[in-house]
């Protein structure tokens, strides 16, 4: 499997149109998830960790109590790739738990 391809600005715009709550910040896909409490936030992170490991594609994230902030980019592509879009979709699916 070769290196992932960096998406064009138009491809990123198209992807963002289909990703609720995601934005482009500092060249990365970005979203903040909010949960009722720390246990729910941590459970979400655990589900995402398993999915990310399976894909060998890991998020940059930060957790404080009930908030999980996520940034996605593909270092091998030098920007956002389809891997990031796919992981963002999976994270949204896993949010509902």
PDB file of N, CA and C in Angstrom:
ATOM      1  N   UNK A   1       0.841  -1.174   0.000  1.00  0.00           N
ATOM      2  CA  UNK A   1       0.000   0.000   0.000  1.00  0.00           C
ATOM      3  C   UNK A   1       0.883   1.232   0.000  1.00  0.00           C
ATOM      4  N   UNK A   2       0.655   2.146  -0.940  1.00  0.00           N
ATOM      5  CA  UNK A   2       1.456   3.343  -1.063  1.00  0.00           C
ATOM      6  C   UNK A   2       1.025   4.421  -0.084  1.00  0.00           C
ATOM      7  N   UNK A   3       1.714   5.527  -0.143  1.00  0.00           N
ATOM      8  CA  UNK A   3       1.366   6.659   0.716  1.00  0.00           C
ATOM      9  C   UNK A   3       0.011   7.224   0.318  1.00  0.00           C
ATOM     10  N   UNK A   4      -0.756   7.684   1.288  1.00  0.00           N
ATOM     11  CA  UNK A   4      -2.045   8.283   0.969  1.00  0.00           C
ATOM     12  C   UNK A   4      -1.867   9.603   0.227  1.00  0.00           C
ATOM     13  N   UNK A   5      -2.864   9.939  -0.567  1.00  0.00           N
ATOM     14  CA  UNK A   5      -2.825  11.169  -1.359  1.00  0.00           C
ATOM     15  C   UNK A   5      -3.498  12.300  -0.593  1.00  0.00           C
ATOM     16  N   UNK A   6      -2.848  13.430  -0.594  1.00  0.00           N
ATOM     17  CA  UNK A   6      -3.421  14.634   0.017  1.00  0.00           C
ATOM     18  C   UNK A   6      -4.627  15.084  -0.822  1.00  0.00           C
ATOM     19  N   UNK A   7      -5.741  15.369  -0.145  1.00  0.00           N
ATOM     20  CA  UNK A   7      -6.936  15.826  -0.849  1.00  0.00           C
ATOM     21  C   UNK A   7      -6.770  17.266  -1.308  1.00  0.00           C
ATOM     22  N   UNK A   8      -7.416  17.607  -2.406  1.00  0.00           N
ATOM     23  CA  UNK A   8      -7.420  18.987  -2.892  1.00  0.00           C
ATOM     24  C   UNK A   8      -8.355  19.818  -2.018  1.00  0.00           C
ATOM     25  N   UNK A   9      -8.253  21.129  -2.123  1.00  0.00           N
ATOM     26  CA  UNK A   9      -9.149  22.007  -1.363  1.00  0.00           C
ATOM     27  C   UNK A   9     -10.610  21.718  -1.693  1.00  0.00           C
ATOM     28  N   UNK A  10     -10.899  21.473  -2.959  1.00  0.00           N
ATOM     29  CA  UNK A  10     -12.265  21.156  -3.367  1.00  0.00           C
ATOM     30  C   UNK A  10     -12.754  19.846  -2.777  1.00  0.00           C
ATOM     31  N   UNK A  11     -11.885  18.852  -2.740  1.00  0.00           N
ATOM     32  CA  UNK A  11     -12.247  17.563  -2.145  1.00  0.00           C
ATOM     33  C   UNK A  11     -12.481  17.703  -0.640  1.00  0.00           C
ATOM     34  N   UNK A  12     -11.690  18.532   0.007  1.00  0.00           N
ATOM     35  CA  UNK A  12     -11.881  18.778   1.445  1.00  0.00           C
ATOM     36  C   UNK A  12     -13.210  19.492   1.674  1.00  0.00           C
ATOM     37  N   UNK A  13     -13.519  20.490   0.860  1.00  0.00           N
ATOM     38  CA  UNK A  13     -14.804  21.192   0.974  1.00  0.00           C
ATOM     39  C   UNK A  13     -15.966  20.224   0.794  1.00  0.00           C
ATOM     40  N   UNK A  14     -15.876  19.349  -0.189  1.00  0.00           N
ATOM     41  CA  UNK A  14     -16.928  18.351  -0.424  1.00  0.00           C
ATOM     42  C   UNK A  14     -17.070  17.424   0.779  1.00  0.00           C
ATOM     43  N   UNK A  15     -15.956  16.997   1.332  1.00  0.00           N
ATOM     44  CA  UNK A  15     -15.990  16.109   2.498  1.00  0.00           C
ATOM     45  C   UNK A  15     -16.626  16.813   3.691  1.00  0.00           C
ATOM     46  N   UNK A  16     -16.240  18.067   3.930  1.00  0.00           N
ATOM     47  CA  UNK A  16     -16.794  18.814   5.061  1.00  0.00           C
ATOM     48  C   UNK A  16     -18.297  19.010   4.932  1.00  0.00           C
ATOM     49  N   UNK A  17     -18.781  19.120   3.711  1.00  0.00           N
ATOM     50  CA  UNK A  17     -20.222  19.278   3.501  1.00  0.00           C
ATOM     51  C   UNK A  17     -20.992  18.062   4.014  1.00  0.00           C
ATOM     52  N   UNK A  18     -20.344  16.907   4.049  1.00  0.00           N
ATOM     53  CA  UNK A  18     -20.992  15.693   4.515  1.00  0.00           C
ATOM     54  C   UNK A  18     -20.611  15.287   5.930  1.00  0.00           C
ATOM     55  N   UNK A  19     -19.857  16.130   6.621  1.00  0.00           N
ATOM     56  CA  UNK A  19     -19.419  15.827   7.988  1.00  0.00           C
ATOM     57  C   UNK A  19     -19.989  16.865   8.944  1.00  0.00           C
ATOM     58  N   UNK A  20     -21.002  16.490   9.669  1.00  0.00           N
ATOM     59  CA  UNK A  20     -21.682  17.433  10.564  1.00  0.00           C
ATOM     60  C   UNK A  20     -20.783  17.831  11.738  1.00  0.00           C
ATOM     61  N   UNK A  21     -20.622  19.141  11.899  1.00  0.00           N
ATOM     62  CA  UNK A  21     -19.868  19.665  13.027  1.00  0.00           C
ATOM     63  C   UNK A  21     -18.366  19.730  12.833  1.00  0.00           C
ATOM     64  N   UNK A  22     -17.876  19.210  11.728  1.00  0.00           N
ATOM     65  CA  UNK A  22     -16.442  19.257  11.451  1.00  0.00           C
ATOM     66  C   UNK A  22     -16.102  20.555  10.731  1.00  0.00           C
ATOM     67  N   UNK A  23     -14.896  21.060  10.969  1.00  0.00           N
ATOM     68  CA  UNK A  23     -14.425  22.271  10.299  1.00  0.00           C
ATOM     69  C   UNK A  23     -12.959  22.073   9.915  1.00  0.00           C
ATOM     70  N   UNK A  24     -12.433  23.041   9.230  1.00  0.00           N
ATOM     71  CA  UNK A  24     -11.026  23.046   8.849  1.00  0.00           C
ATOM     72  C   UNK A  24     -10.331  24.069   9.738  1.00  0.00           C
ATOM     73  N   UNK A  25      -9.378  23.611  10.553  1.00  0.00           N
ATOM     74  CA  UNK A  25      -8.623  24.501  11.435  1.00  0.00           C
ATOM     75  C   UNK A  25      -7.152  24.157  11.353  1.00  0.00           C
ATOM     76  N   UNK A  26      -6.347  25.152  11.022  1.00  0.00           N
ATOM     77  CA  UNK A  26      -4.890  24.984  10.924  1.00  0.00           C
ATOM     78  C   UNK A  26      -4.513  23.816  10.017  1.00  0.00           C
ATOM     79  N   UNK A  27      -5.269  23.641   8.924  1.00  0.00           N
ATOM     80  CA  UNK A  27      -4.961  22.606   7.947  1.00  0.00           C
ATOM     81  C   UNK A  27      -5.352  21.203   8.370  1.00  0.00           C
ATOM     82  N   UNK A  28      -6.211  21.102   9.384  1.00  0.00           N
ATOM     83  CA  UNK A  28      -6.645  19.797   9.883  1.00  0.00           C
ATOM     84  C   UNK A  28      -8.165  19.770   9.992  1.00  0.00           C
ATOM     85  N   UNK A  29      -8.745  18.567   9.858  1.00  0.00           N
ATOM     86  CA  UNK A  29     -10.161  18.406  10.164  1.00  0.00           C
ATOM     87  C   UNK A  29     -10.297  18.511  11.677  1.00  0.00           C
ATOM     88  N   UNK A  30     -11.288  19.279  12.141  1.00  0.00           N
ATOM     89  CA  UNK A  30     -11.421  19.556  13.578  1.00  0.00           C
ATOM     90  C   UNK A  30     -12.873  19.409  14.026  1.00  0.00           C
ATOM     91  N   UNK A  31     -13.032  18.829  15.217  1.00  0.00           N
ATOM     92  CA  UNK A  31     -14.363  18.749  15.826  1.00  0.00           C
ATOM     93  C   UNK A  31     -14.219  18.644  17.331  1.00  0.00           C
ATOM     94  N   UNK A  32     -15.218  19.205  18.042  1.00  0.00           N
ATOM     95  CA  UNK A  32     -15.329  19.043  19.485  1.00  0.00           C
ATOM     96  C   UNK A  32     -16.553  18.212  19.778  1.00  0.00           C
ATOM     97  N   UNK A  33     -16.350  17.152  20.510  1.00  0.00           N
ATOM     98  CA  UNK A  33     -17.457  16.312  20.964  1.00  0.00           C
ATOM     99  C   UNK A  33     -17.713  16.625  22.433  1.00  0.00           C
ATOM    100  N   UNK A  34     -18.989  16.703  22.802  1.00  0.00           N
ATOM    101  CA  UNK A  34     -19.354  16.931  24.207  1.00  0.00           C
ATOM    102  C   UNK A  34     -20.238  15.793  24.677  1.00  0.00           C
ATOM    103  N   UNK A  35     -19.974  15.356  25.890  1.00  0.00           N
ATOM    104  CA  UNK A  35     -20.694  14.240  26.484  1.00  0.00           C
ATOM    105  C   UNK A  35     -21.262  14.664  27.839  1.00  0.00           C
ATOM    106  N   UNK A  36     -22.076  13.818  28.417  1.00  0.00           N
ATOM    107  CA  UNK A  36     -22.699  14.145  29.705  1.00  0.00           C
ATOM    108  C   UNK A  36     -21.673  14.195  30.829  1.00  0.00           C
ATOM    109  N   UNK A  37     -20.634  13.373  30.728  1.00  0.00           N
ATOM    110  CA  UNK A  37     -19.643  13.318  31.796  1.00  0.00           C
ATOM    111  C   UNK A  37     -18.353  12.689  31.276  1.00  0.00           C
ATOM    112  N   UNK A  38     -17.385  12.571  32.168  1.00  0.00           N
ATOM    113  CA  UNK A  38     -16.084  12.031  31.810  1.00  0.00           C
ATOM    114  C   UNK A  38     -16.168  10.566  31.381  1.00  0.00           C
ATOM    115  N   UNK A  39     -16.991   9.789  32.048  1.00  0.00           N
ATOM    116  CA  UNK A  39     -17.100   8.363  31.720  1.00  0.00           C
ATOM    117  C   UNK A  39     -17.568   8.179  30.279  1.00  0.00           C
ATOM    118  N   UNK A  40     -18.561   8.954  29.862  1.00  0.00           N
ATOM    119  CA  UNK A  40     -19.039   8.848  28.476  1.00  0.00           C
ATOM    120  C   UNK A  40     -17.975   9.322  27.489  1.00  0.00           C
ATOM    121  N   UNK A  41     -17.264  10.391  27.819  1.00  0.00           N
ATOM    122  CA  UNK A  41     -16.201  10.882  26.937  1.00  0.00           C
ATOM    123  C   UNK A  41     -15.095   9.840  26.805  1.00  0.00           C
ATOM    124  N   UNK A  42     -14.714   9.233  27.922  1.00  0.00           N
ATOM    125  CA  UNK A  42     -13.654   8.236  27.899  1.00  0.00           C
ATOM    126  C   UNK A  42     -14.096   6.975  27.158  1.00  0.00           C
ATOM    127  N   UNK A  43     -15.352   6.590  27.330  1.00  0.00           N
ATOM    128  CA  UNK A  43     -15.871   5.420  26.599  1.00  0.00           C
ATOM    129  C   UNK A  43     -15.806   5.669  25.092  1.00  0.00           C
ATOM    130  N   UNK A  44     -16.151   6.882  24.666  1.00  0.00           N
ATOM    131  CA  UNK A  44     -16.053   7.254  23.253  1.00  0.00           C
ATOM    132  C   UNK A  44     -14.605   7.130  22.772  1.00  0.00           C
ATOM    133  N   UNK A  45     -13.682   7.660  23.549  1.00  0.00           N
ATOM    134  CA  UNK A  45     -12.275   7.605  23.167  1.00  0.00           C
ATOM    135  C   UNK A  45     -11.792   6.158  23.072  1.00  0.00           C
ATOM    136  N   UNK A  46     -12.286   5.305  23.932  1.00  0.00           N
ATOM    137  CA  UNK A  46     -11.909   3.892  23.887  1.00  0.00           C
ATOM    138  C   UNK A  46     -12.411   3.239  22.604  1.00  0.00           C
ATOM    139  N   UNK A  47     -13.660   3.525  22.225  1.00  0.00           N
ATOM    140  CA  UNK A  47     -14.202   2.973  20.979  1.00  0.00           C
ATOM    141  C   UNK A  47     -13.411   3.488  19.777  1.00  0.00           C
ATOM    142  N   UNK A  48     -13.095   4.774  19.779  1.00  0.00           N
ATOM    143  CA  UNK A  48     -12.329   5.359  18.670  1.00  0.00           C
ATOM    144  C   UNK A  48     -10.915   4.788  18.629  1.00  0.00           C
ATOM    145  N   UNK A  49     -10.309   4.585  19.783  1.00  0.00           N
ATOM    146  CA  UNK A  49      -8.948   4.044  19.822  1.00  0.00           C
ATOM    147  C   UNK A  49      -8.883   2.693  19.121  1.00  0.00           C
ATOM    148  N   UNK A  50      -9.870   1.846  19.363  1.00  0.00           N
ATOM    149  CA  UNK A  50      -9.890   0.527  18.711  1.00  0.00           C
ATOM    150  C   UNK A  50     -10.050   0.669  17.202  1.00  0.00           C
ATOM    151  N   UNK A  51     -10.945   1.550  16.772  1.00  0.00           N
ATOM    152  CA  UNK A  51     -11.160   1.768  15.334  1.00  0.00           C
ATOM    153  C   UNK A  51      -9.926   2.385  14.680  1.00  0.00           C
ATOM    154  N   UNK A  52      -9.279   3.312  15.362  1.00  0.00           N
ATOM    155  CA  UNK A  52      -8.084   3.965  14.822  1.00  0.00           C
ATOM    156  C   UNK A  52      -6.928   2.973  14.704  1.00  0.00           C
ATOM    157  N   UNK A  53      -6.766   2.144  15.707  1.00  0.00           N
ATOM    158  CA  UNK A  53      -5.686   1.150  15.682  1.00  0.00           C
ATOM    159  C   UNK A  53      -5.895   0.165  14.535  1.00  0.00           C
ATOM    160  N   UNK A  54      -7.142  -0.229  14.322  1.00  0.00           N
ATOM    161  CA  UNK A  54      -7.471  -1.140  13.224  1.00  0.00           C
ATOM    162  C   UNK A  54      -7.084  -0.543  11.876  1.00  0.00           C
ATOM    163  N   UNK A  55      -7.194   0.782  11.759  1.00  0.00           N
ATOM    164  CA  UNK A  55      -6.875   1.487  10.518  1.00  0.00           C
ATOM    165  C   UNK A  55      -5.412   1.942  10.468  1.00  0.00           C
ATOM    166  N   UNK A  56      -4.698   1.796  11.579  1.00  0.00           N
ATOM    167  CA  UNK A  56      -3.340   2.341  11.707  1.00  0.00           C
ATOM    168  C   UNK A  56      -3.324   3.824  11.360  1.00  0.00           C
ATOM    169  N   UNK A  57      -4.353   4.522  11.833  1.00  0.00           N
ATOM    170  CA  UNK A  57      -4.481   5.962  11.579  1.00  0.00           C
ATOM    171  C   UNK A  57      -5.059   6.591  12.843  1.00  0.00           C
ATOM    172  N   UNK A  58      -4.259   7.380  13.525  1.00  0.00           N
ATOM    173  CA  UNK A  58      -4.600   7.811  14.877  1.00  0.00           C
ATOM    174  C   UNK A  58      -4.860   9.314  14.950  1.00  0.00           C
ATOM    175  N   UNK A  59      -5.878   9.703  15.722  1.00  0.00           N
ATOM    176  CA  UNK A  59      -6.212  11.118  15.843  1.00  0.00           C
ATOM    177  C   UNK A  59      -5.270  11.853  16.785  1.00  0.00           C
ATOM    178  N   UNK A  60      -5.202  13.144  16.581  1.00  0.00           N
ATOM    179  CA  UNK A  60      -4.634  14.034  17.598  1.00  0.00           C
ATOM    180  C   UNK A  60      -5.855  14.446  18.407  1.00  0.00           C
ATOM    181  N   UNK A  61      -5.826  14.226  19.714  1.00  0.00           N
ATOM    182  CA  UNK A  61      -7.004  14.588  20.500  1.00  0.00           C
ATOM    183  C   UNK A  61      -6.628  15.016  21.898  1.00  0.00           C
ATOM    184  N   UNK A  62      -7.602  15.669  22.518  1.00  0.00           N
ATOM    185  CA  UNK A  62      -7.411  16.252  23.837  1.00  0.00           C
ATOM    186  C   UNK A  62      -8.713  16.090  24.592  1.00  0.00           C
ATOM    187  N   UNK A  63      -8.633  15.626  25.824  1.00  0.00           N
ATOM    188  CA  UNK A  63      -9.831  15.396  26.628  1.00  0.00           C
ATOM    189  C   UNK A  63      -9.731  16.136  27.950  1.00  0.00           C
ATOM    190  N   UNK A  64     -10.780  16.874  28.268  1.00  0.00           N
ATOM    191  CA  UNK A  64     -10.963  17.436  29.600  1.00  0.00           C
ATOM    192  C   UNK A  64     -12.405  17.177  29.986  1.00  0.00           C
ATOM    193  N   UNK A  65     -12.582  16.438  31.051  1.00  0.00           N
ATOM    194  CA  UNK A  65     -13.864  16.039  31.597  1.00  0.00           C
ATOM    195  C   UNK A  65     -14.796  15.507  30.504  1.00  0.00           C
ATOM    196  N   UNK A  66     -15.789  16.287  30.079  1.00  0.00           N
ATOM    197  CA  UNK A  66     -16.801  15.783  29.141  1.00  0.00           C
ATOM    198  C   UNK A  66     -16.567  16.216  27.693  1.00  0.00           C
ATOM    199  N   UNK A  67     -15.436  16.825  27.421  1.00  0.00           N
ATOM    200  CA  UNK A  67     -15.139  17.330  26.083  1.00  0.00           C
ATOM    201  C   UNK A  67     -13.956  16.574  25.477  1.00  0.00           C
ATOM    202  N   UNK A  68     -14.113  16.200  24.215  1.00  0.00           N
ATOM    203  CA  UNK A  68     -13.023  15.593  23.448  1.00  0.00           C
ATOM    204  C   UNK A  68     -12.830  16.441  22.200  1.00  0.00           C
ATOM    205  N   UNK A  69     -11.660  17.065  22.075  1.00  0.00           N
ATOM    206  CA  UNK A  69     -11.312  17.852  20.880  1.00  0.00           C
ATOM    207  C   UNK A  69     -10.440  16.987  19.983  1.00  0.00           C
ATOM    208  N   UNK A  70     -10.772  16.983  18.688  1.00  0.00           N
ATOM    209  CA  UNK A  70     -10.095  16.105  17.737  1.00  0.00           C
ATOM    210  C   UNK A  70      -9.563  16.913  16.561  1.00  0.00           C
ATOM    211  N   UNK A  71      -8.350  16.592  16.136  1.00  0.00           N
ATOM    212  CA  UNK A  71      -7.770  17.103  14.895  1.00  0.00           C
ATOM    213  C   UNK A  71      -7.278  15.911  14.098  1.00  0.00           C
ATOM    214  N   UNK A  72      -7.605  15.905  12.810  1.00  0.00           N
ATOM    215  CA  UNK A  72      -7.192  14.809  11.933  1.00  0.00           C
ATOM    216  C   UNK A  72      -6.391  15.349  10.759  1.00  0.00           C
ATOM    217  N   UNK A  73      -5.262  14.732  10.511  1.00  0.00           N
ATOM    218  CA  UNK A  73      -4.429  15.006   9.351  1.00  0.00           C
ATOM    219  C   UNK A  73      -3.581  13.770   9.095  1.00  0.00           C
ATOM    220  N   UNK A  74      -3.100  13.635   7.887  1.00  0.00           N
ATOM    221  CA  UNK A  74      -2.266  12.488   7.530  1.00  0.00           C
ATOM    222  C   UNK A  74      -0.859  12.991   7.271  1.00  0.00           C
ATOM    223  N   UNK A  75       0.032  12.706   8.195  1.00  0.00           N
ATOM    224  CA  UNK A  75       1.395  13.214   8.084  1.00  0.00           C
ATOM    225  C   UNK A  75       2.087  12.722   6.815  1.00  0.00           C
ATOM    226  N   UNK A  76       1.848  11.450   6.452  1.00  0.00           N
ATOM    227  CA  UNK A  76       2.470  10.897   5.245  1.00  0.00           C
ATOM    228  C   UNK A  76       2.020  11.614   3.972  1.00  0.00           C
ATOM    229  N   UNK A  77       0.820  12.204   4.002  1.00  0.00           N
ATOM    230  CA  UNK A  77       0.297  12.910   2.830  1.00  0.00           C
ATOM    231  C   UNK A  77       0.598  14.400   2.886  1.00  0.00           C
ATOM    232  N   UNK A  78       1.065  14.881   4.011  1.00  0.00           N
ATOM    233  CA  UNK A  78       1.337  16.308   4.159  1.00  0.00           C
ATOM    234  C   UNK A  78       0.075  17.140   4.253  1.00  0.00           C
ATOM    235  N   UNK A  79      -1.002  16.534   4.738  1.00  0.00           N
ATOM    236  CA  UNK A  79      -2.277  17.245   4.873  1.00  0.00           C
ATOM    237  C   UNK A  79      -3.409  16.253   5.068  1.00  0.00           C
ATOM    238  N   UNK A  80      -4.585  16.678   4.715  1.00  0.00           N
ATOM    239  CA  UNK A  80      -5.775  15.851   4.894  1.00  0.00           C
ATOM    240  C   UNK A  80      -5.893  14.848   3.758  1.00  0.00           C
ATOM    241  N   UNK A  81      -6.141  13.594   4.120  1.00  0.00           N
ATOM    242  CA  UNK A  81      -6.333  12.539   3.126  1.00  0.00           C
ATOM    243  C   UNK A  81      -7.692  11.879   3.349  1.00  0.00           C
ATOM    244  N   UNK A  82      -8.009  10.936   2.491  1.00  0.00           N
ATOM    245  CA  UNK A  82      -9.263  10.200   2.635  1.00  0.00           C
ATOM    246  C   UNK A  82      -9.288   9.427   3.951  1.00  0.00           C
ATOM    247  N   UNK A  83      -8.126   9.055   4.456  1.00  0.00           N
ATOM    248  CA  UNK A  83      -8.060   8.368   5.754  1.00  0.00           C
ATOM    249  C   UNK A  83      -8.669   9.224   6.862  1.00  0.00           C
ATOM    250  N   UNK A  84      -8.421  10.523   6.800  1.00  0.00           N
ATOM    251  CA  UNK A  84      -8.968  11.427   7.809  1.00  0.00           C
ATOM    252  C   UNK A  84     -10.485  11.531   7.692  1.00  0.00           C
ATOM    253  N   UNK A  85     -10.963  11.645   6.476  1.00  0.00           N
ATOM    254  CA  UNK A  85     -12.404  11.731   6.232  1.00  0.00           C
ATOM    255  C   UNK A  85     -13.081  10.452   6.718  1.00  0.00           C
ATOM    256  N   UNK A  86     -12.497   9.320   6.410  1.00  0.00           N
ATOM    257  CA  UNK A  86     -13.072   8.038   6.828  1.00  0.00           C
ATOM    258  C   UNK A  86     -13.091   7.904   8.353  1.00  0.00           C
ATOM    259  N   UNK A  87     -12.004   8.322   9.011  1.00  0.00           N
ATOM    260  CA  UNK A  87     -11.968   8.242  10.467  1.00  0.00           C
ATOM    261  C   UNK A  87     -12.961   9.222  11.087  1.00  0.00           C
ATOM    262  N   UNK A  88     -13.112  10.404  10.505  1.00  0.00           N
ATOM    263  CA  UNK A  88     -14.101  11.362  11.003  1.00  0.00           C
ATOM    264  C   UNK A  88     -15.503  10.764  10.940  1.00  0.00           C
ATOM    265  N   UNK A  89     -15.834  10.122   9.842  1.00  0.00           N
ATOM    266  CA  UNK A  89     -17.149   9.483   9.715  1.00  0.00           C
ATOM    267  C   UNK A  89     -17.329   8.384  10.757  1.00  0.00           C
ATOM    268  N   UNK A  90     -16.288   7.604  10.963  1.00  0.00           N
ATOM    269  CA  UNK A  90     -16.368   6.527  11.950  1.00  0.00           C
ATOM    270  C   UNK A  90     -16.507   7.091  13.366  1.00  0.00           C
ATOM    271  N   UNK A  91     -15.819   8.175  13.644  1.00  0.00           N
ATOM    272  CA  UNK A  91     -15.941   8.807  14.967  1.00  0.00           C
ATOM    273  C   UNK A  91     -17.364   9.296  15.197  1.00  0.00           C
ATOM    274  N   UNK A  92     -17.957   9.891  14.190  1.00  0.00           N
ATOM    275  CA  UNK A  92     -19.342  10.344  14.325  1.00  0.00           C
ATOM    276  C   UNK A  92     -20.281   9.158  14.565  1.00  0.00           C
ATOM    277  N   UNK A  93     -20.026   8.059  13.888  1.00  0.00           N
ATOM    278  CA  UNK A  93     -20.850   6.874  14.080  1.00  0.00           C
ATOM    279  C   UNK A  93     -20.686   6.330  15.506  1.00  0.00           C
ATOM    280  N   UNK A  94     -19.457   6.341  16.006  1.00  0.00           N
ATOM    281  CA  UNK A  94     -19.178   5.807  17.336  1.00  0.00           C
ATOM    282  C   UNK A  94     -19.633   6.739  18.456  1.00  0.00           C
ATOM    283  N   UNK A  95     -19.870   7.987  18.136  1.00  0.00           N
ATOM    284  CA  UNK A  95     -20.290   8.958  19.153  1.00  0.00           C
ATOM    285  C   UNK A  95     -21.576   8.505  19.853  1.00  0.00           C
ATOM    286  N   UNK A  96     -22.474   7.927  19.113  1.00  0.00           N
ATOM    287  CA  UNK A  96     -23.760   7.539  19.698  1.00  0.00           C
ATOM    288  C   UNK A  96     -23.639   6.294  20.562  1.00  0.00           C
ATOM    289  N   UNK A  97     -22.503   5.607  20.461  1.00  0.00           N
ATOM    290  CA  UNK A  97     -22.134   4.536  21.327  1.00  0.00           C
ATOM    291  C   UNK A  97     -22.843   3.280  21.272  1.00  0.00           C
TER     292      UNK A  97
END
